[in-house]
Protein backbone atom coordinates (compact mmCIF):
# COMPACT_ATOMS: atom_id res chain seq x y z
CA MET A 1 -10.38 29.46 -25.74
CA THR A 2 -7.42 26.91 -25.96
CA ARG A 3 -5.83 25.71 -22.98
CA ASP A 4 -1.98 24.87 -23.40
CA THR A 5 -1.55 21.99 -21.19
CA GLN A 6 1.90 20.33 -22.16
CA ALA A 7 3.80 23.35 -20.73
CA LEU A 8 1.49 22.80 -17.04
CA GLU A 9 3.55 19.84 -13.97
CA THR A 10 1.50 17.02 -13.90
CA VAL A 11 1.56 16.33 -9.87
CA GLY A 12 1.47 12.74 -8.57
CA LEU A 13 3.43 11.16 -11.13
CA GLY A 14 5.62 8.18 -10.05
CA ILE A 15 9.04 8.01 -8.67
CA PRO A 16 11.83 6.74 -11.33
CA PHE A 17 14.07 4.06 -10.84
CA GLU A 18 16.85 6.67 -11.23
CA ASP A 19 15.29 8.27 -7.21
CA TRP A 20 14.86 4.48 -5.63
CA THR A 21 17.99 5.35 -3.83
CA VAL A 22 18.89 2.99 -0.59
CA GLY A 23 18.15 4.91 2.05
CA ARG A 24 15.58 6.55 0.89
CA LYS A 25 12.50 6.96 3.70
CA PHE A 26 9.03 8.51 2.80
CA LYS A 27 5.13 7.74 4.09
CA THR A 28 1.90 7.90 2.42
CA VAL A 29 -1.12 10.13 3.94
CA GLY A 30 -3.66 8.52 5.63
CA ARG A 31 -6.89 6.47 4.86
CA THR A 32 -9.67 5.27 7.56
CA VAL A 33 -10.90 1.79 6.77
CA THR A 34 -14.28 2.13 6.91
CA ASP A 35 -17.21 -0.40 8.16
CA ALA A 36 -18.04 0.12 3.95
CA ASP A 37 -14.81 -0.94 2.90
CA ILE A 38 -15.00 -3.98 4.74
CA THR A 39 -18.53 -5.44 3.96
CA LEU A 40 -17.50 -4.33 0.32
CA PHE A 41 -14.30 -6.12 0.05
CA VAL A 42 -15.32 -9.54 2.17
CA GLY A 43 -18.37 -10.05 -0.44
CA ALA A 44 -15.87 -9.14 -3.57
CA THR A 45 -13.57 -11.64 -1.99
CA GLY A 46 -15.64 -14.39 -0.64
CA MET A 47 -14.01 -14.13 2.93
CA THR A 48 -17.18 -14.55 4.37
CA GLU A 49 -15.63 -15.46 8.09
CA VAL A 50 -18.02 -14.64 10.94
CA LEU A 51 -15.17 -11.81 12.48
CA PHE A 52 -15.41 -10.28 9.10
CA THR A 53 -18.90 -10.32 9.46
CA ASP A 54 -21.42 -11.36 12.38
CA LEU A 55 -21.08 -8.73 14.38
CA GLU A 56 -22.95 -9.98 17.05
CA TYR A 57 -20.45 -12.84 16.98
CA LEU A 58 -17.94 -10.56 17.31
CA LYS A 59 -19.18 -8.82 20.83
CA GLU A 60 -19.42 -12.54 22.42
CA ASN A 61 -16.88 -14.80 21.18
CA SER A 62 -14.22 -12.19 19.79
CA LEU A 63 -10.66 -11.40 21.68
CA ILE A 64 -11.15 -8.47 19.72
CA GLY A 65 -14.94 -7.27 20.57
CA GLN A 66 -14.46 -5.08 17.63
CA ARG A 67 -14.78 -5.31 13.98
CA PRO A 68 -11.54 -6.04 12.39
CA ALA A 69 -10.46 -5.71 8.83
CA PRO A 70 -9.15 -8.59 6.85
CA GLY A 71 -5.08 -8.55 6.65
CA ALA A 72 -5.74 -8.30 2.33
CA LEU A 73 -7.31 -5.46 2.61
CA VAL A 74 -5.48 -3.35 4.50
CA TYR A 75 -2.24 -4.71 2.38
CA SER A 76 -4.61 -3.62 -0.08
CA MET A 77 -5.13 -0.76 0.49
CA ALA A 78 -1.38 0.24 1.89
CA GLU A 79 -1.07 -0.85 -2.12
CA GLY A 80 -3.61 1.60 -2.99
CA LEU A 81 -1.92 4.50 -1.13
CA LEU A 82 1.81 3.89 -2.42
CA MET A 83 -0.05 3.96 -6.45
CA GLN A 84 -1.88 7.42 -5.67
CA SER A 85 1.51 8.57 -4.23
CA VAL A 86 4.76 7.55 -6.31
CA MET A 87 3.94 4.31 -8.32
CA GLN A 88 2.26 6.55 -11.42
CA HIS A 89 3.62 6.41 -14.41
CA THR A 90 6.31 4.18 -13.45
CA GLY A 91 5.11 0.59 -11.87
CA LEU A 92 5.60 -2.27 -14.04
CA ALA A 93 5.68 -4.69 -12.12
CA PHE A 94 4.92 -5.69 -8.56
CA LEU A 95 7.26 -9.12 -8.10
CA GLY A 96 6.52 -10.06 -5.21
CA MET A 97 5.84 -9.95 -1.48
CA GLU A 98 7.15 -10.85 2.28
CA LEU A 99 3.75 -9.71 5.32
CA THR A 100 3.33 -10.14 8.48
CA VAL A 101 0.59 -8.71 9.63
CA LYS A 102 1.48 -7.30 14.28
CA SER A 103 -1.62 -5.88 14.70
CA PRO A 104 -5.57 -6.34 13.99
CA VAL A 105 -6.80 -3.43 11.91
CA LEU A 106 -10.07 -2.17 12.88
CA ALA A 107 -13.47 -0.42 11.31
CA GLY A 108 -12.71 3.57 11.92
CA ASP A 109 -9.10 3.36 12.29
CA THR A 110 -6.77 5.26 10.06
CA ILE A 111 -3.33 3.82 8.47
CA HIS A 112 -0.68 5.05 7.05
CA VAL A 113 2.69 3.38 5.41
CA GLU A 114 5.79 4.56 6.15
CA CYS A 115 8.48 3.33 3.37
CA GLU A 116 12.03 2.33 3.49
CA VAL A 117 14.07 2.02 -0.13
CA THR A 118 16.49 -1.28 0.78
CA GLU A 119 17.93 -2.00 -2.68
CA THR A 120 18.07 -1.28 -6.12
CA ARG A 121 19.59 -2.26 -8.96
CA PRO A 122 18.87 -2.12 -13.08
CA THR A 123 17.75 -5.13 -15.05
CA SER A 124 19.70 -6.62 -18.04
CA LYS A 125 16.84 -4.50 -19.96
CA PRO A 126 17.84 -0.98 -20.53
CA GLY A 127 15.15 1.48 -18.85
CA ARG A 128 13.98 -0.34 -15.62
CA GLY A 129 14.88 -1.07 -12.52
CA ILE A 130 13.86 -4.02 -9.49
CA VAL A 131 13.30 -1.56 -6.30
CA THR A 132 12.83 -3.60 -3.11
CA ALA A 133 11.52 -1.85 -0.11
CA ARG A 134 9.81 -2.66 3.12
CA CYS A 135 6.89 -1.35 4.09
CA ASP A 136 5.46 -0.17 7.40
CA VAL A 137 1.39 -0.03 7.65
CA VAL A 138 0.74 2.23 10.84
CA LYS A 139 -2.01 3.12 12.81
CA GLN A 140 -3.30 6.25 14.29
CA ASP A 141 -1.48 6.12 17.23
CA GLY A 142 1.52 4.99 15.87
CA GLU A 143 1.04 0.78 16.00
CA LEU A 144 2.56 -1.09 13.48
CA ALA A 145 -0.03 -3.03 11.78
CA LEU A 146 1.70 -5.01 9.25
CA THR A 147 4.95 -4.72 7.33
CA TYR A 148 5.50 -5.46 3.87
CA THR A 149 8.89 -5.92 1.71
CA CYS A 150 7.88 -5.66 -1.80
CA GLN A 151 9.61 -5.99 -5.12
CA ARG A 152 8.83 -3.84 -7.64
CA LEU A 153 9.92 -3.09 -11.71
CA VAL A 154 10.42 0.10 -12.00
CA LYS A 155 10.45 2.47 -14.87
CA ALA A 156 13.88 4.38 -15.52
CA ARG A 157 13.56 8.05 -16.53
CA LYS A 158 16.27 7.14 -19.20
CA ALA A 159 15.95 4.33 -21.34
CA ASP A 160 19.55 3.67 -21.24
């Protein structure tokens, strides 16, 4: 039996440029940062700082006492949560960002992203626009882990 999948709505697609309106706010689903996430990220990036690799050092010498996730990992996970929810098929390019770490994310913490669109403008080429958004990465207890403002090139619904 052949199915007509063309007639079905595809869910999880990104937000077209026209729908990124200034003041629009949304949040993503959450994701727990695991020891395995930290280990794999540190190994892949070469961030072999003892804060990320030596649990005995953490117990004896760290101000935190627990295994922290690198800020770059937390940012990367935040971007992954956004890709899954609002950028599929519409994100064309990441143009830049300013990022500030506010508090550590530890193995076992769950994060989500809260975004607010702060600026939009069409580009000189039709069919796309630039979106600026403030993204706050928030832990399960409501504490702000990091914040960044980013610019993205986003595909429009219409080419003109």
